[in-house]
C-alpha atoms as a PDB file:
ATOM      1  CA  MET A   1     -17.521   1.208   8.348  1.00  0.00           C
ATOM      2  CA  PRO A   2     -19.051  -0.640   4.899  1.00  0.00           C
ATOM      3  CA  ARG A   3     -20.745  -4.222   5.533  1.00  0.00           C
ATOM      4  CA  SER A   4     -18.507  -6.731   3.921  1.00  0.00           C
ATOM      5  CA  ALA A   5     -18.990  -8.786   0.767  1.00  0.00           C
ATOM      6  CA  GLU A   6     -19.421 -12.656   1.100  1.00  0.00           C
ATOM      7  CA  ILE A   7     -15.638 -14.129   0.691  1.00  0.00           C
ATOM      8  CA  GLU A   8     -14.598 -16.510  -1.036  1.00  0.00           C
ATOM      9  CA  THR A   9     -11.638 -18.704  -0.079  1.00  0.00           C
ATOM     10  CA  LEU A  10      -9.112 -19.314  -3.046  1.00  0.00           C
ATOM     11  CA  SER A  11      -6.029 -21.117  -1.129  1.00  0.00           C
ATOM     12  CA  GLU A  12      -4.426 -21.085   2.170  1.00  0.00           C
ATOM     13  CA  GLN A  13      -1.518 -22.997   2.773  1.00  0.00           C
ATOM     14  CA  SER A  14       0.062 -22.974   6.181  1.00  0.00           C
ATOM     15  CA  CYS A  15       3.422 -20.673   7.074  1.00  0.00           C
ATOM     16  CA  PHE A  16       6.037 -20.436   9.796  1.00  0.00           C
ATOM     17  CA  ASP A  17       2.929 -21.768  11.962  1.00  0.00           C
ATOM     18  CA  GLY A  18       0.461 -19.067  10.718  1.00  0.00           C
ATOM     19  CA  LEU A  19      -1.831 -19.694   7.402  1.00  0.00           C
ATOM     20  CA  GLN A  20      -1.646 -17.798   4.279  1.00  0.00           C
ATOM     21  CA  GLY A  21      -4.336 -17.155   2.637  1.00  0.00           C
ATOM     22  CA  PHE A  22      -5.679 -16.087  -1.353  1.00  0.00           C
ATOM     23  CA  TYR A  23      -9.433 -15.189  -1.051  1.00  0.00           C
ATOM     24  CA  ARG A  24     -12.299 -12.869  -3.569  1.00  0.00           C
ATOM     25  CA  HIS A  25     -15.032 -10.907  -2.964  1.00  0.00           C
ATOM     26  CA  GLU A  26     -17.140  -8.238  -4.943  1.00  0.00           C
ATOM     27  CA  SER A  27     -15.715  -5.010  -4.513  1.00  0.00           C
ATOM     28  CA  ARG A  28     -18.481  -1.717  -4.470  1.00  0.00           C
ATOM     29  CA  ALA A  29     -16.128   0.708  -5.068  1.00  0.00           C
ATOM     30  CA  CYS A  30     -14.195  -0.666  -8.198  1.00  0.00           C
ATOM     31  CA  GLY A  31     -17.345  -2.252  -9.625  1.00  0.00           C
ATOM     32  CA  GLY A  32     -16.452  -6.044  -9.804  1.00  0.00           C
ATOM     33  CA  PRO A  33     -14.624  -9.300  -7.801  1.00  0.00           C
ATOM     34  CA  MET A  34     -11.075  -7.521  -6.204  1.00  0.00           C
ATOM     35  CA  ARG A  35      -8.942 -10.611  -4.534  1.00  0.00           C
ATOM     36  CA  PHE A  36      -6.381 -10.189  -1.497  1.00  0.00           C
ATOM     37  CA  ALA A  37      -4.014 -11.943   0.248  1.00  0.00           C
ATOM     38  CA  VAL A  38      -4.119 -12.226   4.527  1.00  0.00           C
ATOM     39  CA  TYR A  39      -0.869 -13.931   6.073  1.00  0.00           C
ATOM     40  CA  GLN A  40      -2.487 -15.567   9.887  1.00  0.00           C
ATOM     41  CA  PRO A  41       0.113 -15.506  12.079  1.00  0.00           C
ATOM     42  CA  PRO A  42      -0.036 -18.429  14.539  1.00  0.00           C
ATOM     43  CA  GLN A  43      -1.060 -15.956  17.557  1.00  0.00           C
ATOM     44  CA  ALA A  44      -4.071 -15.331  15.632  1.00  0.00           C
ATOM     45  CA  LEU A  45      -5.474 -18.797  14.470  1.00  0.00           C
ATOM     46  CA  ASP A  46      -5.191 -19.086  18.699  1.00  0.00           C
ATOM     47  CA  GLY A  47      -8.355 -17.243  18.186  1.00  0.00           C
ATOM     48  CA  LYS A  48      -6.190 -13.550  19.404  1.00  0.00           C
ATOM     49  CA  ALA A  49      -6.850 -10.086  17.717  1.00  0.00           C
ATOM     50  CA  VAL A  50      -4.144  -9.479  16.792  1.00  0.00           C
ATOM     51  CA  PRO A  51      -2.572  -6.228  14.780  1.00  0.00           C
ATOM     52  CA  VAL A  52      -2.430  -5.349  11.165  1.00  0.00           C
ATOM     53  CA  VAL A  53      -0.415  -4.257   8.576  1.00  0.00           C
ATOM     54  CA  THR A  54      -1.282  -3.618   4.769  1.00  0.00           C
ATOM     55  CA  TYR A  55       1.164  -3.839   2.449  1.00  0.00           C
ATOM     56  CA  LEU A  56       0.634  -1.738  -1.236  1.00  0.00           C
ATOM     57  CA  ALA A  57       2.146  -3.448  -3.631  1.00  0.00           C
ATOM     58  CA  GLY A  58       3.998  -1.246  -7.198  1.00  0.00           C
ATOM     59  CA  LEU A  59       3.148  -1.585 -11.234  1.00  0.00           C
ATOM     60  CA  THR A  60       1.789  -4.433 -12.459  1.00  0.00           C
ATOM     61  CA  CYS A  61       2.227  -6.406  -9.018  1.00  0.00           C
ATOM     62  CA  THR A  62      -1.197  -8.479  -7.702  1.00  0.00           C
ATOM     63  CA  GLU A  63      -2.200  -9.287  -4.746  1.00  0.00           C
ATOM     64  CA  GLU A  64       0.211 -12.159  -5.231  1.00  0.00           C
ATOM     65  CA  THR A  65       3.373 -10.583  -5.028  1.00  0.00           C
ATOM     66  CA  PHE A  66       4.203  -9.722  -1.271  1.00  0.00           C
ATOM     67  CA  PRO A  67       3.443 -12.577  -0.189  1.00  0.00           C
ATOM     68  CA  ILE A  68       5.109 -15.253  -2.370  1.00  0.00           C
ATOM     69  CA  LYS A  69       8.473 -12.362  -3.266  1.00  0.00           C
ATOM     70  CA  ALA A  70       8.452 -10.246   0.099  1.00  0.00           C
ATOM     71  CA  GLY A  71      10.358 -12.773   2.454  1.00  0.00           C
ATOM     72  CA  ALA A  72       7.983 -11.330   5.325  1.00  0.00           C
ATOM     73  CA  GLN A  73       6.118 -14.098   6.695  1.00  0.00           C
ATOM     74  CA  ARG A  74       9.008 -15.446   9.378  1.00  0.00           C
ATOM     75  CA  VAL A  75       8.895 -12.112  10.648  1.00  0.00           C
ATOM     76  CA  ALA A  76       5.285 -11.506  11.134  1.00  0.00           C
ATOM     77  CA  SER A  77       4.791 -14.641  12.652  1.00  0.00           C
ATOM     78  CA  GLU A  78       7.426 -13.985  15.417  1.00  0.00           C
ATOM     79  CA  LEU A  79       5.387 -10.537  16.150  1.00  0.00           C
ATOM     80  CA  GLY A  80       2.097 -11.632  15.787  1.00  0.00           C
ATOM     81  CA  LEU A  81       1.571  -9.430  12.890  1.00  0.00           C
ATOM     82  CA  MET A  82      -1.496  -9.811  10.499  1.00  0.00           C
ATOM     83  CA  LEU A  83      -0.065  -9.182   7.343  1.00  0.00           C
ATOM     84  CA  VAL A  84      -3.124  -8.226   3.847  1.00  0.00           C
ATOM     85  CA  ALA A  85      -1.842  -7.340   0.504  1.00  0.00           C
ATOM     86  CA  PRO A  86      -5.099  -6.184  -2.157  1.00  0.00           C
ATOM     87  CA  ASP A  87      -4.558  -6.023  -5.725  1.00  0.00           C
ATOM     88  CA  THR A  88      -3.249  -3.560  -7.086  1.00  0.00           C
ATOM     89  CA  SER A  89      -5.773  -2.400  -9.343  1.00  0.00           C
ATOM     90  CA  PRO A  90      -8.963  -3.793 -10.688  1.00  0.00           C
ATOM     91  CA  ARG A  91      -9.151  -7.041 -13.715  1.00  0.00           C
ATOM     92  CA  GLY A  92     -11.534  -6.907 -16.409  1.00  0.00           C
ATOM     93  CA  ALA A  93     -13.283  -4.625 -15.915  1.00  0.00           C
ATOM     94  CA  GLY A  94     -13.616  -3.953 -19.131  1.00  0.00           C
ATOM     95  CA  VAL A  95     -12.826  -0.097 -19.025  1.00  0.00           C
ATOM     96  CA  SER A  96     -11.535   0.534 -23.088  1.00  0.00           C
ATOM     97  CA  GLY A  97      -7.201   1.081 -23.078  1.00  0.00           C
ATOM     98  CA  GLU A  98      -7.155   0.319 -19.415  1.00  0.00           C
ATOM     99  CA  ASP A  99      -4.198  -3.100 -20.796  1.00  0.00           C
ATOM    100  CA  ASP A 100      -2.481  -0.561 -23.173  1.00  0.00           C
ATOM    101  CA  ASP A 101       0.179   0.422 -21.009  1.00  0.00           C
ATOM    102  CA  TRP A 102       2.292  -1.393 -18.232  1.00  0.00           C
ATOM    103  CA  ASP A 103       2.138   2.040 -15.865  1.00  0.00           C
ATOM    104  CA  PHE A 104      -1.883   2.840 -16.041  1.00  0.00           C
ATOM    105  CA  GLY A 105      -4.452   0.977 -15.915  1.00  0.00           C
ATOM    106  CA  THR A 106      -4.951  -2.857 -14.606  1.00  0.00           C
ATOM    107  CA  GLY A 107      -1.584  -2.946 -11.973  1.00  0.00           C
ATOM    108  CA  ALA A 108      -1.882   0.491 -11.806  1.00  0.00           C
ATOM    109  CA  GLY A 109      -4.632   2.121  -9.623  1.00  0.00           C
ATOM    110  CA  PHE A 110      -2.077   4.242  -7.906  1.00  0.00           C
ATOM    111  CA  TYR A 111      -3.961   3.986  -4.634  1.00  0.00           C
ATOM    112  CA  LEU A 112      -6.773   7.051  -5.698  1.00  0.00           C
ATOM    113  CA  ASP A 113      -9.378   7.382  -6.346  1.00  0.00           C
ATOM    114  CA  ALA A 114     -10.307   8.288 -10.912  1.00  0.00           C
ATOM    115  CA  THR A 115     -12.514  11.232 -10.887  1.00  0.00           C
ATOM    116  CA  VAL A 116     -13.023  11.059 -14.608  1.00  0.00           C
ATOM    117  CA  ALA A 117     -15.150   8.896 -16.991  1.00  0.00           C
ATOM    118  CA  PRO A 118     -14.585   5.966 -17.427  1.00  0.00           C
ATOM    119  CA  TRP A 119     -12.092   5.466 -14.973  1.00  0.00           C
ATOM    120  CA  SER A 120     -14.297   6.462 -11.926  1.00  0.00           C
ATOM    121  CA  ARG A 121     -17.033   3.799 -12.202  1.00  0.00           C
ATOM    122  CA  HIS A 122     -14.125   1.099 -11.259  1.00  0.00           C
ATOM    123  CA  TYR A 123     -11.099   2.240 -10.486  1.00  0.00           C
ATOM    124  CA  ARG A 124     -11.568   3.707  -7.246  1.00  0.00           C
ATOM    125  CA  MET A 125      -8.616   2.454  -4.820  1.00  0.00           C
ATOM    126  CA  TYR A 126      -8.442   4.732  -2.326  1.00  0.00           C
ATOM    127  CA  ALA A 127     -11.936   3.819  -1.344  1.00  0.00           C
ATOM    128  CA  TYR A 128     -11.770  -0.011  -1.590  1.00  0.00           C
ATOM    129  CA  VAL A 129      -8.146  -0.093   0.578  1.00  0.00           C
ATOM    130  CA  THR A 130      -9.675   2.154   3.407  1.00  0.00           C
ATOM    131  CA  GLU A 131     -13.220   0.601   3.692  1.00  0.00           C
ATOM    132  CA  GLU A 132     -13.847  -2.199   1.474  1.00  0.00           C
ATOM    133  CA  LEU A 133     -10.809  -3.989   2.577  1.00  0.00           C
ATOM    134  CA  CYS A 134     -10.454  -2.587   5.974  1.00  0.00           C
ATOM    135  CA  ALA A 135     -14.195  -4.306   6.650  1.00  0.00           C
ATOM    136  CA  ALA A 136     -13.548  -7.876   5.055  1.00  0.00           C
ATOM    137  CA  VAL A 137     -10.647  -8.061   7.436  1.00  0.00           C
ATOM    138  CA  ALA A 138     -12.757  -7.368  10.172  1.00  0.00           C
ATOM    139  CA  ALA A 139     -15.713  -9.408   9.280  1.00  0.00           C
ATOM    140  CA  ARG A 140     -13.623 -12.489   8.447  1.00  0.00           C
ATOM    141  CA  PHE A 141     -10.121 -13.085  10.547  1.00  0.00           C
ATOM    142  CA  PRO A 142      -9.097 -11.925  14.169  1.00  0.00           C
ATOM    143  CA  ALA A 143      -7.901  -8.537  13.210  1.00  0.00           C
ATOM    144  CA  ASP A 144      -7.387  -5.703  16.085  1.00  0.00           C
ATOM    145  CA  MET A 145      -8.657  -3.336  13.676  1.00  0.00           C
ATOM    146  CA  ALA A 146      -7.678  -0.299  16.378  1.00  0.00           C
ATOM    147  CA  ARG A 147      -3.926  -1.901  15.494  1.00  0.00           C
ATOM    148  CA  GLN A 148      -3.070  -1.298  11.713  1.00  0.00           C
ATOM    149  CA  GLY A 149      -0.649   0.643   9.873  1.00  0.00           C
ATOM    150  CA  ILE A 150       0.627   0.545   6.178  1.00  0.00           C
ATOM    151  CA  PHE A 151       3.504   0.196   4.383  1.00  0.00           C
ATOM    152  CA  GLY A 152       4.216  -0.223   0.317  1.00  0.00           C
ATOM    153  CA  HIS A 153       7.385  -0.524  -2.697  1.00  0.00           C
ATOM    154  CA  SER A 154       6.725   2.378  -5.193  1.00  0.00           C
ATOM    155  CA  MET A 155       3.505   3.214  -6.515  1.00  0.00           C
ATOM    156  CA  GLY A 156       2.275   1.446  -3.430  1.00  0.00           C
ATOM    157  CA  GLY A 157       4.823   3.313  -1.225  1.00  0.00           C
ATOM    158  CA  HIS A 158       3.090   6.448  -2.267  1.00  0.00           C
ATOM    159  CA  GLY A 159      -0.266   5.218  -1.487  1.00  0.00           C
ATOM    160  CA  ALA A 160       0.809   4.142   1.569  1.00  0.00           C
ATOM    161  CA  LEU A 161       2.498   7.379   2.415  1.00  0.00           C
ATOM    162  CA  THR A 162      -0.927   9.545   1.443  1.00  0.00           C
ATOM    163  CA  LEU A 163      -2.996   6.702   3.044  1.00  0.00           C
ATOM    164  CA  HIS A 164      -1.623   7.204   5.979  1.00  0.00           C
ATOM    165  CA  LEU A 165      -1.857  10.924   5.728  1.00  0.00           C
ATOM    166  CA  LYS A 166      -4.965  11.435   5.385  1.00  0.00           C
ATOM    167  CA  ASN A 167      -5.962   8.661   7.663  1.00  0.00           C
ATOM    168  CA  PRO A 168      -3.480   8.811  10.778  1.00  0.00           C
ATOM    169  CA  GLU A 169      -5.989   7.521  13.188  1.00  0.00           C
ATOM    170  CA  VAL A 170      -6.300   4.201  11.369  1.00  0.00           C
ATOM    171  CA  TYR A 171      -2.801   3.699  10.125  1.00  0.00           C
ATOM    172  CA  ARG A 172      -0.749   4.168  13.501  1.00  0.00           C
ATOM    173  CA  SER A 173       2.494   3.313  11.604  1.00  0.00           C
ATOM    174  CA  VAL A 174       3.993   3.692   8.000  1.00  0.00           C
ATOM    175  CA  SER A 175       6.851   2.711   6.127  1.00  0.00           C
ATOM    176  CA  ALA A 176       8.027   2.662   2.600  1.00  0.00           C
ATOM    177  CA  PHE A 177      10.790   1.016   0.094  1.00  0.00           C
ATOM    178  CA  ALA A 178      11.600   3.451  -2.988  1.00  0.00           C
ATOM    179  CA  PRO A 179       8.017   5.434  -2.980  1.00  0.00           C
ATOM    180  CA  ILE A 180       7.456   7.424  -5.832  1.00  0.00           C
ATOM    181  CA  GLY A 181       7.705  11.049  -3.352  1.00  0.00           C
ATOM    182  CA  ALA A 182       6.202  13.888  -5.727  1.00  0.00           C
ATOM    183  CA  PRO A 183       3.486  12.236  -7.955  1.00  0.00           C
ATOM    184  CA  MET A 184       2.976  15.556  -9.295  1.00  0.00           C
ATOM    185  CA  ARG A 185       6.500  16.152 -10.289  1.00  0.00           C
ATOM    186  CA  CYS A 186       7.183  12.945 -12.477  1.00  0.00           C
ATOM    187  CA  PRO A 187       6.394  10.781 -15.918  1.00  0.00           C
ATOM    188  CA  TRP A 188       5.052   7.885 -13.515  1.00  0.00           C
ATOM    189  CA  GLY A 189       2.631  10.113 -11.349  1.00  0.00           C
ATOM    190  CA  GLU A 190       1.295  12.779 -14.022  1.00  0.00           C
ATOM    191  CA  LYS A 191       0.800  10.356 -16.316  1.00  0.00           C
ATOM    192  CA  ALA A 192      -2.069   8.591 -13.789  1.00  0.00           C
ATOM    193  CA  PHE A 193      -3.185  11.291 -12.541  1.00  0.00           C
ATOM    194  CA  ALA A 194      -3.867  13.287 -15.889  1.00  0.00           C
ATOM    195  CA  GLY A 195      -5.483   9.828 -16.759  1.00  0.00           C
ATOM    196  CA  TYR A 196      -7.724   9.501 -13.538  1.00  0.00           C
ATOM    197  CA  LEU A 197      -8.263  12.676 -12.261  1.00  0.00           C
ATOM    198  CA  GLY A 198      -7.834  15.046 -15.094  1.00  0.00           C
ATOM    199  CA  ARG A 199      -5.955  17.508 -16.528  1.00  0.00           C
ATOM    200  CA  ASP A 200      -6.638  20.075 -13.381  1.00  0.00           C
ATOM    201  CA  ARG A 201      -3.436  19.682 -11.387  1.00  0.00           C
ATOM    202  CA  ASP A 202      -5.575  21.354  -8.619  1.00  0.00           C
ATOM    203  CA  ALA A 203      -7.330  18.433  -8.540  1.00  0.00           C
ATOM    204  CA  TRP A 204      -4.010  16.365  -8.151  1.00  0.00           C
ATOM    205  CA  HIS A 205      -2.604  17.843  -4.605  1.00  0.00           C
ATOM    206  CA  ARG A 206      -5.023  15.602  -2.588  1.00  0.00           C
ATOM    207  CA  TYR A 207      -2.935  12.816  -3.586  1.00  0.00           C
ATOM    208  CA  ASP A 208       0.927  13.850  -3.918  1.00  0.00           C
ATOM    209  CA  THR A 209       3.009  13.385  -0.332  1.00  0.00           C
ATOM    210  CA  THR A 210       4.536  16.289  -0.934  1.00  0.00           C
ATOM    211  CA  ASP A 211       1.360  18.845  -0.768  1.00  0.00           C
ATOM    212  CA  LEU A 212      -0.339  16.527   1.888  1.00  0.00           C
ATOM    213  CA  VAL A 213       2.193  16.369   4.366  1.00  0.00           C
ATOM    214  CA  ARG A 214       2.670  20.176   4.328  1.00  0.00           C
ATOM    215  CA  ALA A 215      -0.472  20.770   5.005  1.00  0.00           C
ATOM    216  CA  ARG A 216      -1.011  17.601   7.378  1.00  0.00           C
ATOM    217  CA  PRO A 217       1.965  16.505   8.926  1.00  0.00           C
ATOM    218  CA  SER A 218       1.312  13.251  11.392  1.00  0.00           C
ATOM    219  CA  HIS A 219       3.005  12.557  14.891  1.00  0.00           C
ATOM    220  CA  ALA A 220       3.955   8.727  13.247  1.00  0.00           C
ATOM    221  CA  LYS A 221       7.522   8.695  12.240  1.00  0.00           C
ATOM    222  CA  VAL A 222       7.964   7.091   8.681  1.00  0.00           C
ATOM    223  CA  LEU A 223      10.513   4.699   7.980  1.00  0.00           C
ATOM    224  CA  ILE A 224      12.007   4.675   4.349  1.00  0.00           C
ATOM    225  CA  ASP A 225      14.775   2.483   2.477  1.00  0.00           C
ATOM    226  CA  GLN A 226      15.556   3.670  -0.565  1.00  0.00           C
ATOM    227  CA  GLY A 227      17.980   1.790  -2.790  1.00  0.00           C
ATOM    228  CA  THR A 228      21.241   4.365  -4.607  1.00  0.00           C
ATOM    229  CA  ALA A 229      21.358   2.147  -6.991  1.00  0.00           C
ATOM    230  CA  ASP A 230      17.729   2.232  -8.145  1.00  0.00           C
ATOM    231  CA  PRO A 231      17.451   3.250 -11.505  1.00  0.00           C
ATOM    232  CA  PHE A 232      13.825   4.827 -11.261  1.00  0.00           C
ATOM    233  CA  LEU A 233      15.685   6.765  -8.416  1.00  0.00           C
ATOM    234  CA  ASP A 234      16.500  10.688  -9.773  1.00  0.00           C
ATOM    235  CA  GLU A 235      13.498   9.751 -12.592  1.00  0.00           C
ATOM    236  CA  GLN A 236      10.332   8.770 -11.150  1.00  0.00           C
ATOM    237  CA  LEU A 237      11.086   8.027  -7.037  1.00  0.00           C
ATOM    238  CA  LYS A 238      12.829  11.697  -6.700  1.00  0.00           C
ATOM    239  CA  PRO A 239      12.991  11.137  -2.511  1.00  0.00           C
ATOM    240  CA  ASP A 240      14.987  14.313  -2.611  1.00  0.00           C
ATOM    241  CA  LEU A 241      11.449  16.354  -2.812  1.00  0.00           C
ATOM    242  CA  LEU A 242       9.593  14.043   0.218  1.00  0.00           C
ATOM    243  CA  ILE A 243      12.845  14.940   2.054  1.00  0.00           C
ATOM    244  CA  GLU A 244      12.335  18.974   1.787  1.00  0.00           C
ATOM    245  CA  ALA A 245       8.409  18.712   2.434  1.00  0.00           C
ATOM    246  CA  PHE A 246       8.846  16.821   5.702  1.00  0.00           C
ATOM    247  CA  GLU A 247      11.395  18.762   6.738  1.00  0.00           C
ATOM    248  CA  GLU A 248       9.743  21.643   6.307  1.00  0.00           C
ATOM    249  CA  ALA A 249       6.562  19.953   7.661  1.00  0.00           C
ATOM    250  CA  GLY A 250       8.126  19.072  10.538  1.00  0.00           C
ATOM    251  CA  GLN A 251       7.028  16.045   9.852  1.00  0.00           C
ATOM    252  CA  PRO A 252       9.183  12.570  11.785  1.00  0.00           C
ATOM    253  CA  PHE A 253      11.014  10.332   9.505  1.00  0.00           C
ATOM    254  CA  GLU A 254      14.467   8.048   8.538  1.00  0.00           C
ATOM    255  CA  LEU A 255      15.079   7.771   5.376  1.00  0.00           C
ATOM    256  CA  ARG A 256      18.225   5.336   4.679  1.00  0.00           C
ATOM    257  CA  MET A 257      19.778   5.094   1.403  1.00  0.00           C
ATOM    258  CA  ARG A 258      21.552   1.686   0.907  1.00  0.00           C
ATOM    259  CA  PRO A 259      24.428   1.470  -1.442  1.00  0.00           C
ATOM    260  CA  GLY A 260      23.594  -0.879  -4.375  1.00  0.00           C
ATOM    261  CA  TYR A 261      20.159  -1.783  -3.596  1.00  0.00           C
ATOM    262  CA  ASP A 262      18.095  -1.010  -6.837  1.00  0.00           C
ATOM    263  CA  HIS A 263      14.580  -1.283  -7.125  1.00  0.00           C
ATOM    264  CA  SER A 264      13.547  -4.825  -6.578  1.00  0.00           C
ATOM    265  CA  TYR A 265      12.131  -7.473  -4.186  1.00  0.00           C
ATOM    266  CA  TYR A 266      15.571  -8.507  -3.260  1.00  0.00           C
ATOM    267  CA  PHE A 267      16.152  -4.567  -2.135  1.00  0.00           C
ATOM    268  CA  ILE A 268      12.318  -5.599  -0.069  1.00  0.00           C
ATOM    269  CA  GLN A 269      13.871  -8.886   1.257  1.00  0.00           C
ATOM    270  CA  THR A 270      16.819  -7.533   2.475  1.00  0.00           C
ATOM    271  CA  PHE A 271      15.287  -4.596   4.593  1.00  0.00           C
ATOM    272  CA  MET A 272      11.706  -6.436   5.314  1.00  0.00           C
ATOM    273  CA  GLU A 273      12.184  -7.125   8.854  1.00  0.00           C
ATOM    274  CA  ASP A 274      13.007  -4.047   9.875  1.00  0.00           C
ATOM    275  CA  HIS A 275      10.014  -2.138   8.842  1.00  0.00           C
ATOM    276  CA  LEU A 276       8.017  -4.251  10.036  1.00  0.00           C
ATOM    277  CA  ARG A 277       9.659  -4.271  13.472  1.00  0.00           C
ATOM    278  CA  HIS A 278       9.100  -0.443  13.313  1.00  0.00           C
ATOM    279  CA  HIS A 279       5.522  -1.860  12.520  1.00  0.00           C
ATOM    280  CA  ALA A 280       5.034  -3.352  16.060  1.00  0.00           C
ATOM    281  CA  ASP A 281       6.887  -1.431  17.687  1.00  0.00           C
ATOM    282  CA  VAL A 282       4.010   0.935  17.537  1.00  0.00           C
ATOM    283  CA  LEU A 283       1.254  -1.079  16.981  1.00  0.00           C
ATOM    284  CA  HIS A 284       2.583  -3.325  20.105  1.00  0.00           C
ATOM    285  CA  ALA A 285       3.205  -0.592  22.410  1.00  0.00           C
END
C-alpha cells in the first residue's frame, strides 16, 4: 500500500454520536488534490478499529453527495461502520474538454485508469480508490482495513462491482444501487470507455462487470436494488445483462426490482439500511 500524503481537514461535524468529516490530500494517481468524506461512528471515536465501507457515487456527484443525501450515518452509527466517499473524478486538472459534457470528464471518472492521452495523466480513479484512498484512510482513521466493503450508485455501482471483482480479498462485501450493469453496451459506458481507454474494444473488457464476473466470479453475495421507474433502466443500466452474466458465472446475487422507484437519492435513502446491514453481516462475521 502506498504511503499516504498529508491530509487536510476541511470540516468536521458531529453526527449521530459520530463524526462526519471532509478532507483533501494530494494524489499521485490523479496528479493533483482530491477530496473525500469519512464518517466515523462512535465506536471509532472511542478508539476501536472498525470496518470500512466505501461508497462510489454516480455521474456529476462529489464527495459531499453521499453524506448529505443518502441518510446513511444513523445506521452506520448503530452498526459501527466507517463510511468513506471519494469524489467522482479529479477537479480542475486542466485537461482540454474535461468540463464540456456532464457524462464525461469532470464528475465522470468511471472508476477506471485512463490509458489514452490526455486523460491518462489525471483520470486514474481505479488506482486512486484502491491504493491512495485506502492508504489515507488507514493512516488517519481507526479503520480495520482487513474488513472492507464497497458499494455505489449508477456509475458508482459499476465501480463498486468491478472493484470488488478485481479485488475480492480487499472488498469482502459488495452491493449496488441501479448500477450501470454492462457499460460496454450502453451509451454512457461506450462514451467513457472510448474516451479514456481508446477505440479498441478489447481494452474495455477489464472494466465491464458482465465480462469480469464470467472470468472471475467471487464468493461474496452481491446485493442490488433497482427501481422499475428509473428513466435510465433500459438504455443505460441493463440489469437483464447483469443477471444473465451472474447466472452463467455462478455468482451469488440478489437483485430486487423496486416498483415505482426512480434513480434518485429518495430511492437510495429508502433502501440504504438494507445495504448497510448487508455489509455489516459480512464484515462483523
